[in-house]
Amino acid sequence: MFVRIVKMSFQPEKIDTFLSNFEANKTKIRAFEGCQFLELYRDKTNPNIFFTYSYWDTETDLENYRHSELFKGVWANTKPLFNAKPEAWSVDKLESLA
């Protein structure tokens, strides 16, 4: 399993549109084969910046999602809302303490 972190910065007037789109699709994304976890975070000092954290069984699962009709639809609605290029990282979780 690995973690995918995506940083997105939005035009202030487009944030509600993004949040509505995320709300409409979050359950479908989480239910996608190989996705084990999904969270959305908002930066405390810059409210235009959001992060998604998702856990995937394999890189193939993530790639299957990224080539799916679901992703294409979500991304088509999200991409025009940005005010900066999104950044993404795939990382291996080494430790987790609860």
PDB file of N, CA and C in Angstrom:
ATOM      1  N   MET A   1       0.841  -1.184   0.000  1.00  0.00           N
ATOM      2  CA  MET A   1       0.000   0.000   0.000  1.00  0.00           C
ATOM      3  C   MET A   1       0.882   1.241   0.000  1.00  0.00           C
ATOM      4  N   PHE A   2       0.393   2.275  -0.699  1.00  0.00           N
ATOM      5  CA  PHE A   2       1.118   3.533  -0.685  1.00  0.00           C
ATOM      6  C   PHE A   2       0.134   4.689  -0.625  1.00  0.00           C
ATOM      7  N   VAL A   3       0.672   5.861  -0.346  1.00  0.00           N
ATOM      8  CA  VAL A   3      -0.138   7.054  -0.160  1.00  0.00           C
ATOM      9  C   VAL A   3       0.067   7.994  -1.341  1.00  0.00           C
ATOM     10  N   ARG A   4      -1.023   8.567  -1.815  1.00  0.00           N
ATOM     11  CA  ARG A   4      -0.971   9.582  -2.866  1.00  0.00           C
ATOM     12  C   ARG A   4      -1.413  10.903  -2.236  1.00  0.00           C
ATOM     13  N   ILE A   5      -0.566  11.907  -2.356  1.00  0.00           N
ATOM     14  CA  ILE A   5      -0.848  13.232  -1.824  1.00  0.00           C
ATOM     15  C   ILE A   5      -0.925  14.186  -3.008  1.00  0.00           C
ATOM     16  N   VAL A   6      -2.011  14.933  -3.077  1.00  0.00           N
ATOM     17  CA  VAL A   6      -2.177  15.905  -4.156  1.00  0.00           C
ATOM     18  C   VAL A   6      -2.463  17.266  -3.539  1.00  0.00           C
ATOM     19  N   LYS A   7      -1.655  18.252  -3.931  1.00  0.00           N
ATOM     20  CA  LYS A   7      -1.831  19.631  -3.473  1.00  0.00           C
ATOM     21  C   LYS A   7      -2.476  20.424  -4.604  1.00  0.00           C
ATOM     22  N   MET A   8      -3.571  21.120  -4.267  1.00  0.00           N
ATOM     23  CA  MET A   8      -4.307  21.893  -5.262  1.00  0.00           C
ATOM     24  C   MET A   8      -4.578  23.287  -4.722  1.00  0.00           C
ATOM     25  N   SER A   9      -4.363  24.280  -5.541  1.00  0.00           N
ATOM     26  CA  SER A   9      -4.638  25.664  -5.166  1.00  0.00           C
ATOM     27  C   SER A   9      -5.688  26.221  -6.115  1.00  0.00           C
ATOM     28  N   PHE A  10      -6.738  26.806  -5.543  1.00  0.00           N
ATOM     29  CA  PHE A  10      -7.897  27.234  -6.324  1.00  0.00           C
ATOM     30  C   PHE A  10      -8.075  28.743  -6.334  1.00  0.00           C
ATOM     31  N   GLN A  11      -8.711  29.220  -7.390  1.00  0.00           N
ATOM     32  CA  GLN A  11      -9.172  30.596  -7.427  1.00  0.00           C
ATOM     33  C   GLN A  11     -10.201  30.742  -6.295  1.00  0.00           C
ATOM     34  N   PRO A  12     -10.101  31.785  -5.482  1.00  0.00           N
ATOM     35  CA  PRO A  12     -10.999  31.903  -4.322  1.00  0.00           C
ATOM     36  C   PRO A  12     -12.482  31.774  -4.669  1.00  0.00           C
ATOM     37  N   GLU A  13     -12.891  32.352  -5.778  1.00  0.00           N
ATOM     38  CA  GLU A  13     -14.301  32.317  -6.141  1.00  0.00           C
ATOM     39  C   GLU A  13     -14.740  30.953  -6.690  1.00  0.00           C
ATOM     40  N   LYS A  14     -13.796  30.044  -6.871  1.00  0.00           N
ATOM     41  CA  LYS A  14     -14.107  28.716  -7.415  1.00  0.00           C
ATOM     42  C   LYS A  14     -14.088  27.617  -6.348  1.00  0.00           C
ATOM     43  N   ILE A  15     -13.777  27.961  -5.110  1.00  0.00           N
ATOM     44  CA  ILE A  15     -13.652  26.951  -4.054  1.00  0.00           C
ATOM     45  C   ILE A  15     -14.966  26.219  -3.813  1.00  0.00           C
ATOM     46  N   ASP A  16     -16.075  26.935  -3.761  1.00  0.00           N
ATOM     47  CA  ASP A  16     -17.357  26.265  -3.538  1.00  0.00           C
ATOM     48  C   ASP A  16     -17.673  25.271  -4.654  1.00  0.00           C
ATOM     49  N   THR A  17     -17.299  25.604  -5.875  1.00  0.00           N
ATOM     50  CA  THR A  17     -17.506  24.692  -7.007  1.00  0.00           C
ATOM     51  C   THR A  17     -16.671  23.422  -6.806  1.00  0.00           C
ATOM     52  N   PHE A  18     -15.418  23.608  -6.399  1.00  0.00           N
ATOM     53  CA  PHE A  18     -14.565  22.445  -6.128  1.00  0.00           C
ATOM     54  C   PHE A  18     -15.164  21.579  -5.029  1.00  0.00           C
ATOM     55  N   LEU A  19     -15.573  22.198  -3.924  1.00  0.00           N
ATOM     56  CA  LEU A  19     -16.106  21.432  -2.797  1.00  0.00           C
ATOM     57  C   LEU A  19     -17.382  20.685  -3.174  1.00  0.00           C
ATOM     58  N   SER A  20     -18.214  21.277  -3.986  1.00  0.00           N
ATOM     59  CA  SER A  20     -19.424  20.590  -4.460  1.00  0.00           C
ATOM     60  C   SER A  20     -19.072  19.393  -5.326  1.00  0.00           C
ATOM     61  N   ASN A  21     -18.088  19.569  -6.208  1.00  0.00           N
ATOM     62  CA  ASN A  21     -17.641  18.480  -7.072  1.00  0.00           C
ATOM     63  C   ASN A  21     -17.036  17.344  -6.240  1.00  0.00           C
ATOM     64  N   PHE A  22     -16.232  17.705  -5.238  1.00  0.00           N
ATOM     65  CA  PHE A  22     -15.638  16.677  -4.376  1.00  0.00           C
ATOM     66  C   PHE A  22     -16.739  15.931  -3.627  1.00  0.00           C
ATOM     67  N   GLU A  23     -17.690  16.665  -3.083  1.00  0.00           N
ATOM     68  CA  GLU A  23     -18.795  16.047  -2.337  1.00  0.00           C
ATOM     69  C   GLU A  23     -19.564  15.063  -3.215  1.00  0.00           C
ATOM     70  N   ALA A  24     -19.792  15.434  -4.455  1.00  0.00           N
ATOM     71  CA  ALA A  24     -20.555  14.588  -5.373  1.00  0.00           C
ATOM     72  C   ALA A  24     -19.804  13.329  -5.781  1.00  0.00           C
ATOM     73  N   ASN A  25     -18.467  13.343  -5.681  1.00  0.00           N
ATOM     74  CA  ASN A  25     -17.674  12.226  -6.201  1.00  0.00           C
ATOM     75  C   ASN A  25     -16.857  11.470  -5.166  1.00  0.00           C
ATOM     76  N   LYS A  26     -16.764  11.961  -3.950  1.00  0.00           N
ATOM     77  CA  LYS A  26     -15.864  11.356  -2.961  1.00  0.00           C
ATOM     78  C   LYS A  26     -16.178   9.889  -2.685  1.00  0.00           C
ATOM     79  N   THR A  27     -17.447   9.534  -2.615  1.00  0.00           N
ATOM     80  CA  THR A  27     -17.810   8.146  -2.336  1.00  0.00           C
ATOM     81  C   THR A  27     -17.427   7.237  -3.499  1.00  0.00           C
ATOM     82  N   LYS A  28     -17.580   7.733  -4.718  1.00  0.00           N
ATOM     83  CA  LYS A  28     -17.206   6.946  -5.900  1.00  0.00           C
ATOM     84  C   LYS A  28     -15.691   6.757  -5.962  1.00  0.00           C
ATOM     85  N   ILE A  29     -14.955   7.813  -5.640  1.00  0.00           N
ATOM     86  CA  ILE A  29     -13.488   7.702  -5.643  1.00  0.00           C
ATOM     87  C   ILE A  29     -13.051   6.687  -4.593  1.00  0.00           C
ATOM     88  N   ARG A  30     -13.605   6.815  -3.393  1.00  0.00           N
ATOM     89  CA  ARG A  30     -13.234   5.906  -2.302  1.00  0.00           C
ATOM     90  C   ARG A  30     -13.592   4.460  -2.630  1.00  0.00           C
ATOM     91  N   ALA A  31     -14.678   4.267  -3.383  1.00  0.00           N
ATOM     92  CA  ALA A  31     -15.127   2.917  -3.741  1.00  0.00           C
ATOM     93  C   ALA A  31     -14.372   2.343  -4.937  1.00  0.00           C
ATOM     94  N   PHE A  32     -13.517   3.152  -5.568  1.00  0.00           N
ATOM     95  CA  PHE A  32     -12.790   2.657  -6.736  1.00  0.00           C
ATOM     96  C   PHE A  32     -11.876   1.513  -6.307  1.00  0.00           C
ATOM     97  N   GLU A  33     -11.777   0.499  -7.152  1.00  0.00           N
ATOM     98  CA  GLU A  33     -10.971  -0.673  -6.810  1.00  0.00           C
ATOM     99  C   GLU A  33      -9.541  -0.275  -6.452  1.00  0.00           C
ATOM    100  N   GLY A  34      -9.099  -0.716  -5.277  1.00  0.00           N
ATOM    101  CA  GLY A  34      -7.737  -0.452  -4.822  1.00  0.00           C
ATOM    102  C   GLY A  34      -7.611   0.745  -3.907  1.00  0.00           C
ATOM    103  N   CYS A  35      -8.635   1.603  -3.839  1.00  0.00           N
ATOM    104  CA  CYS A  35      -8.578   2.761  -2.948  1.00  0.00           C
ATOM    105  C   CYS A  35      -9.049   2.333  -1.561  1.00  0.00           C
ATOM    106  N   GLN A  36      -8.188   2.497  -0.578  1.00  0.00           N
ATOM    107  CA  GLN A  36      -8.494   2.065   0.785  1.00  0.00           C
ATOM    108  C   GLN A  36      -8.846   3.206   1.729  1.00  0.00           C
ATOM    109  N   PHE A  37      -8.588   4.459   1.304  1.00  0.00           N
ATOM    110  CA  PHE A  37      -8.736   5.586   2.219  1.00  0.00           C
ATOM    111  C   PHE A  37      -8.719   6.868   1.408  1.00  0.00           C
ATOM    112  N   LEU A  38      -9.525   7.844   1.801  1.00  0.00           N
ATOM    113  CA  LEU A  38      -9.542   9.130   1.111  1.00  0.00           C
ATOM    114  C   LEU A  38      -9.883  10.222   2.115  1.00  0.00           C
ATOM    115  N   GLU A  39      -9.070  11.269   2.141  1.00  0.00           N
ATOM    116  CA  GLU A  39      -9.340  12.432   2.978  1.00  0.00           C
ATOM    117  C   GLU A  39      -9.048  13.702   2.195  1.00  0.00           C
ATOM    118  N   LEU A  40      -9.745  14.771   2.580  1.00  0.00           N
ATOM    119  CA  LEU A  40      -9.526  16.093   2.012  1.00  0.00           C
ATOM    120  C   LEU A  40      -9.131  17.020   3.148  1.00  0.00           C
ATOM    121  N   TYR A  41      -8.066  17.796   2.940  1.00  0.00           N
ATOM    122  CA  TYR A  41      -7.580  18.750   3.931  1.00  0.00           C
ATOM    123  C   TYR A  41      -7.554  20.147   3.318  1.00  0.00           C
ATOM    124  N   ARG A  42      -7.681  21.146   4.201  1.00  0.00           N
ATOM    125  CA  ARG A  42      -7.569  22.544   3.773  1.00  0.00           C
ATOM    126  C   ARG A  42      -6.473  23.207   4.589  1.00  0.00           C
ATOM    127  N   ASP A  43      -5.613  23.946   3.922  1.00  0.00           N
ATOM    128  CA  ASP A  43      -4.505  24.629   4.584  1.00  0.00           C
ATOM    129  C   ASP A  43      -5.045  25.667   5.574  1.00  0.00           C
ATOM    130  N   LYS A  44      -4.456  25.717   6.752  1.00  0.00           N
ATOM    131  CA  LYS A  44      -4.923  26.631   7.786  1.00  0.00           C
ATOM    132  C   LYS A  44      -4.541  28.084   7.523  1.00  0.00           C
ATOM    133  N   THR A  45      -3.458  28.325   6.823  1.00  0.00           N
ATOM    134  CA  THR A  45      -3.018  29.699   6.595  1.00  0.00           C
ATOM    135  C   THR A  45      -3.395  30.230   5.210  1.00  0.00           C
ATOM    136  N   ASN A  46      -3.605  29.347   4.262  1.00  0.00           N
ATOM    137  CA  ASN A  46      -4.018  29.760   2.925  1.00  0.00           C
ATOM    138  C   ASN A  46      -5.253  28.950   2.540  1.00  0.00           C
ATOM    139  N   PRO A  47      -6.449  29.514   2.706  1.00  0.00           N
ATOM    140  CA  PRO A  47      -7.678  28.748   2.471  1.00  0.00           C
ATOM    141  C   PRO A  47      -7.932  28.373   1.014  1.00  0.00           C
ATOM    142  N   ASN A  48      -7.081  28.825   0.103  1.00  0.00           N
ATOM    143  CA  ASN A  48      -7.213  28.437  -1.304  1.00  0.00           C
ATOM    144  C   ASN A  48      -6.546  27.099  -1.587  1.00  0.00           C
ATOM    145  N   ILE A  49      -5.753  26.598  -0.640  1.00  0.00           N
ATOM    146  CA  ILE A  49      -4.973  25.378  -0.858  1.00  0.00           C
ATOM    147  C   ILE A  49      -5.636  24.189  -0.166  1.00  0.00           C
ATOM    148  N   PHE A  50      -5.781  23.114  -0.937  1.00  0.00           N
ATOM    149  CA  PHE A  50      -6.363  21.867  -0.441  1.00  0.00           C
ATOM    150  C   PHE A  50      -5.410  20.717  -0.757  1.00  0.00           C
ATOM    151  N   PHE A  51      -5.538  19.650   0.016  1.00  0.00           N
ATOM    152  CA  PHE A  51      -4.759  18.439  -0.199  1.00  0.00           C
ATOM    153  C   PHE A  51      -5.702  17.241  -0.155  1.00  0.00           C
ATOM    154  N   THR A  52      -5.491  16.301  -1.045  1.00  0.00           N
ATOM    155  CA  THR A  52      -6.144  15.003  -0.887  1.00  0.00           C
ATOM    156  C   THR A  52      -5.084  13.990  -0.493  1.00  0.00           C
ATOM    157  N   TYR A  53      -5.461  13.117   0.417  1.00  0.00           N
ATOM    158  CA  TYR A  53      -4.640  11.974   0.812  1.00  0.00           C
ATOM    159  C   TYR A  53      -5.454  10.743   0.479  1.00  0.00           C
ATOM    160  N   SER A  54      -4.876   9.849  -0.284  1.00  0.00           N
ATOM    161  CA  SER A  54      -5.554   8.598  -0.586  1.00  0.00           C
ATOM    162  C   SER A  54      -4.557   7.452  -0.463  1.00  0.00           C
ATOM    163  N   TYR A  55      -5.052   6.324   0.012  1.00  0.00           N
ATOM    164  CA  TYR A  55      -4.238   5.117   0.158  1.00  0.00           C
ATOM    165  C   TYR A  55      -4.662   4.141  -0.915  1.00  0.00           C
ATOM    166  N   TRP A  56      -3.677   3.586  -1.615  1.00  0.00           N
ATOM    167  CA  TRP A  56      -3.922   2.673  -2.730  1.00  0.00           C
ATOM    168  C   TRP A  56      -3.185   1.368  -2.499  1.00  0.00           C
ATOM    169  N   ASP A  57      -3.819   0.273  -2.902  1.00  0.00           N
ATOM    170  CA  ASP A  57      -3.189  -1.042  -2.755  1.00  0.00           C
ATOM    171  C   ASP A  57      -1.933  -1.144  -3.611  1.00  0.00           C
ATOM    172  N   THR A  58      -2.045  -0.713  -4.872  1.00  0.00           N
ATOM    173  CA  THR A  58      -0.910  -0.815  -5.789  1.00  0.00           C
ATOM    174  C   THR A  58      -0.874   0.413  -6.695  1.00  0.00           C
ATOM    175  N   GLU A  59       0.269   0.642  -7.302  1.00  0.00           N
ATOM    176  CA  GLU A  59       0.371   1.732  -8.271  1.00  0.00           C
ATOM    177  C   GLU A  59      -0.525   1.479  -9.474  1.00  0.00           C
ATOM    178  N   THR A  60      -0.727   0.216  -9.827  1.00  0.00           N
ATOM    179  CA  THR A  60      -1.622  -0.127 -10.929  1.00  0.00           C
ATOM    180  C   THR A  60      -3.045   0.313 -10.619  1.00  0.00           C
ATOM    181  N   ASP A  61      -3.478   0.138  -9.366  1.00  0.00           N
ATOM    182  CA  ASP A  61      -4.818   0.594  -8.984  1.00  0.00           C
ATOM    183  C   ASP A  61      -4.959   2.099  -9.175  1.00  0.00           C
ATOM    184  N   LEU A  62      -3.964   2.848  -8.738  1.00  0.00           N
ATOM    185  CA  LEU A  62      -4.006   4.296  -8.915  1.00  0.00           C
ATOM    186  C   LEU A  62      -4.021   4.659 -10.398  1.00  0.00           C
ATOM    187  N   GLU A  63      -3.192   4.006 -11.183  1.00  0.00           N
ATOM    188  CA  GLU A  63      -3.162   4.291 -12.617  1.00  0.00           C
ATOM    189  C   GLU A  63      -4.495   3.932 -13.284  1.00  0.00           C
ATOM    190  N   ASN A  64      -5.098   2.833 -12.854  1.00  0.00           N
ATOM    191  CA  ASN A  64      -6.417   2.480 -13.392  1.00  0.00           C
ATOM    192  C   ASN A  64      -7.425   3.573 -13.072  1.00  0.00           C
ATOM    193  N   TYR A  65      -7.380   4.107 -11.866  1.00  0.00           N
ATOM    194  CA  TYR A  65      -8.258   5.213 -11.499  1.00  0.00           C
ATOM    195  C   TYR A  65      -7.954   6.437 -12.362  1.00  0.00           C
ATOM    196  N   ARG A  66      -6.687   6.770 -12.519  1.00  0.00           N
ATOM    197  CA  ARG A  66      -6.301   7.967 -13.276  1.00  0.00           C
ATOM    198  C   ARG A  66      -6.680   7.879 -14.758  1.00  0.00           C
ATOM    199  N   HIS A  67      -6.915   6.661 -15.264  1.00  0.00           N
ATOM    200  CA  HIS A  67      -7.336   6.478 -16.653  1.00  0.00           C
ATOM    201  C   HIS A  67      -8.826   6.152 -16.773  1.00  0.00           C
ATOM    202  N   SER A  68      -9.542   6.234 -15.655  1.00  0.00           N
ATOM    203  CA  SER A  68     -10.962   5.883 -15.654  1.00  0.00           C
ATOM    204  C   SER A  68     -11.836   7.058 -16.090  1.00  0.00           C
ATOM    205  N   GLU A  69     -13.060   6.742 -16.474  1.00  0.00           N
ATOM    206  CA  GLU A  69     -14.032   7.777 -16.813  1.00  0.00           C
ATOM    207  C   GLU A  69     -14.351   8.624 -15.583  1.00  0.00           C
ATOM    208  N   LEU A  70     -14.357   8.011 -14.409  1.00  0.00           N
ATOM    209  CA  LEU A  70     -14.606   8.760 -13.176  1.00  0.00           C
ATOM    210  C   LEU A  70     -13.569   9.862 -12.999  1.00  0.00           C
ATOM    211  N   PHE A  71     -12.295   9.511 -13.087  1.00  0.00           N
ATOM    212  CA  PHE A  71     -11.237  10.510 -12.923  1.00  0.00           C
ATOM    213  C   PHE A  71     -11.330  11.578 -14.009  1.00  0.00           C
ATOM    214  N   LYS A  72     -11.531  11.152 -15.244  1.00  0.00           N
ATOM    215  CA  LYS A  72     -11.602  12.126 -16.341  1.00  0.00           C
ATOM    216  C   LYS A  72     -12.704  13.143 -16.104  1.00  0.00           C
ATOM    217  N   GLY A  73     -13.855  12.694 -15.593  1.00  0.00           N
ATOM    218  CA  GLY A  73     -14.949  13.606 -15.303  1.00  0.00           C
ATOM    219  C   GLY A  73     -14.643  14.534 -14.139  1.00  0.00           C
ATOM    220  N   VAL A  74     -14.088  13.966 -13.068  1.00  0.00           N
ATOM    221  CA  VAL A  74     -13.732  14.779 -11.897  1.00  0.00           C
ATOM    222  C   VAL A  74     -12.680  15.808 -12.289  1.00  0.00           C
ATOM    223  N   TRP A  75     -11.657  15.357 -13.007  1.00  0.00           N
ATOM    224  CA  TRP A  75     -10.554  16.258 -13.369  1.00  0.00           C
ATOM    225  C   TRP A  75     -10.999  17.335 -14.343  1.00  0.00           C
ATOM    226  N   ALA A  76     -11.893  16.999 -15.263  1.00  0.00           N
ATOM    227  CA  ALA A  76     -12.394  17.984 -16.225  1.00  0.00           C
ATOM    228  C   ALA A  76     -13.122  19.123 -15.511  1.00  0.00           C
ATOM    229  N   ASN A  77     -13.790  18.793 -14.408  1.00  0.00           N
ATOM    230  CA  ASN A  77     -14.493  19.813 -13.637  1.00  0.00           C
ATOM    231  C   ASN A  77     -13.579  20.553 -12.668  1.00  0.00           C
ATOM    232  N   THR A  78     -12.467  19.940 -12.289  1.00  0.00           N
ATOM    233  CA  THR A  78     -11.569  20.523 -11.290  1.00  0.00           C
ATOM    234  C   THR A  78     -10.497  21.400 -11.930  1.00  0.00           C
ATOM    235  N   LYS A  79      -9.932  20.957 -13.016  1.00  0.00           N
ATOM    236  CA  LYS A  79      -8.788  21.640 -13.631  1.00  0.00           C
ATOM    237  C   LYS A  79      -9.016  23.129 -13.923  1.00  0.00           C
ATOM    238  N   PRO A  80     -10.178  23.535 -14.424  1.00  0.00           N
ATOM    239  CA  PRO A  80     -10.368  24.968 -14.710  1.00  0.00           C
ATOM    240  C   PRO A  80     -10.448  25.853 -13.462  1.00  0.00           C
ATOM    241  N   LEU A  81     -10.533  25.253 -12.299  1.00  0.00           N
ATOM    242  CA  LEU A  81     -10.705  26.008 -11.056  1.00  0.00           C
ATOM    243  C   LEU A  81      -9.382  26.413 -10.414  1.00  0.00           C
ATOM    244  N   PHE A  82      -8.272  25.838 -10.880  1.00  0.00           N
ATOM    245  CA  PHE A  82      -6.961  26.073 -10.269  1.00  0.00           C
ATOM    246  C   PHE A  82      -6.452  27.490 -10.507  1.00  0.00           C
ATOM    247  N   ASN A  83      -5.642  27.973  -9.553  1.00  0.00           N
ATOM    248  CA  ASN A  83      -4.897  29.213  -9.764  1.00  0.00           C
ATOM    249  C   ASN A  83      -3.391  28.947  -9.750  1.00  0.00           C
ATOM    250  N   ALA A  84      -3.014  27.676  -9.647  1.00  0.00           N
ATOM    251  CA  ALA A  84      -1.619  27.242  -9.706  1.00  0.00           C
ATOM    252  C   ALA A  84      -1.610  25.786 -10.154  1.00  0.00           C
ATOM    253  N   LYS A  85      -0.495  25.363 -10.685  1.00  0.00           N
ATOM    254  CA  LYS A  85      -0.372  23.976 -11.131  1.00  0.00           C
ATOM    255  C   LYS A  85      -0.446  23.040  -9.925  1.00  0.00           C
ATOM    256  N   PRO A  86      -1.271  21.992  -9.997  1.00  0.00           N
ATOM    257  CA  PRO A  86      -1.325  21.042  -8.881  1.00  0.00           C
ATOM    258  C   PRO A  86      -0.023  20.254  -8.782  1.00  0.00           C
ATOM    259  N   GLU A  87       0.261  19.776  -7.586  1.00  0.00           N
ATOM    260  CA  GLU A  87       1.434  18.946  -7.337  1.00  0.00           C
ATOM    261  C   GLU A  87       0.977  17.627  -6.742  1.00  0.00           C
ATOM    262  N   ALA A  88       1.680  16.551  -7.068  1.00  0.00           N
ATOM    263  CA  ALA A  88       1.301  15.235  -6.554  1.00  0.00           C
ATOM    264  C   ALA A  88       2.542  14.437  -6.191  1.00  0.00           C
ATOM    265  N   TRP A  89       2.391  13.655  -5.117  1.00  0.00           N
ATOM    266  CA  TRP A  89       3.464  12.779  -4.650  1.00  0.00           C
ATOM    267  C   TRP A  89       2.883  11.410  -4.354  1.00  0.00           C
ATOM    268  N   SER A  90       3.615  10.374  -4.702  1.00  0.00           N
ATOM    269  CA  SER A  90       3.313   9.013  -4.278  1.00  0.00           C
ATOM    270  C   SER A  90       4.395   8.621  -3.285  1.00  0.00           C
ATOM    271  N   VAL A  91       3.966   8.266  -2.079  1.00  0.00           N
ATOM    272  CA  VAL A  91       4.922   7.967  -1.007  1.00  0.00           C
ATOM    273  C   VAL A  91       4.557   6.650  -0.346  1.00  0.00           C
ATOM    274  N   ASP A  92       5.567   6.004   0.190  1.00  0.00           N
ATOM    275  CA  ASP A  92       5.347   4.795   0.990  1.00  0.00           C
ATOM    276  C   ASP A  92       5.226   5.195   2.447  1.00  0.00           C
ATOM    277  N   LYS A  93       4.190   4.696   3.108  1.00  0.00           N
ATOM    278  CA  LYS A  93       4.022   4.954   4.530  1.00  0.00           C
ATOM    279  C   LYS A  93       4.984   4.052   5.291  1.00  0.00           C
ATOM    280  N   LEU A  94       5.858   4.648   6.083  1.00  0.00           N
ATOM    281  CA  LEU A  94       6.822   3.867   6.856  1.00  0.00           C
ATOM    282  C   LEU A  94       6.313   3.545   8.245  1.00  0.00           C
ATOM    283  N   GLU A  95       5.606   4.484   8.853  1.00  0.00           N
ATOM    284  CA  GLU A  95       5.064   4.252  10.197  1.00  0.00           C
ATOM    285  C   GLU A  95       3.760   4.998  10.358  1.00  0.00           C
ATOM    286  N   SER A  96       2.919   4.484  11.222  1.00  0.00           N
ATOM    287  CA  SER A  96       1.661   5.144  11.555  1.00  0.00           C
ATOM    288  C   SER A  96       1.366   4.878  13.025  1.00  0.00           C
ATOM    289  N   LEU A  97       1.207   5.927  13.787  1.00  0.00           N
ATOM    290  CA  LEU A  97       0.882   5.800  15.207  1.00  0.00           C
ATOM    291  C   LEU A  97      -0.500   6.384  15.441  1.00  0.00           C
ATOM    292  N   ALA A  98      -1.328   5.689  16.166  1.00  0.00           N
ATOM    293  CA  ALA A  98      -2.676   6.204  16.451  1.00  0.00           C
ATOM    294  C   ALA A  98      -2.838   6.442  17.933  1.00  0.00           C
TER     295      ALA A  98
END
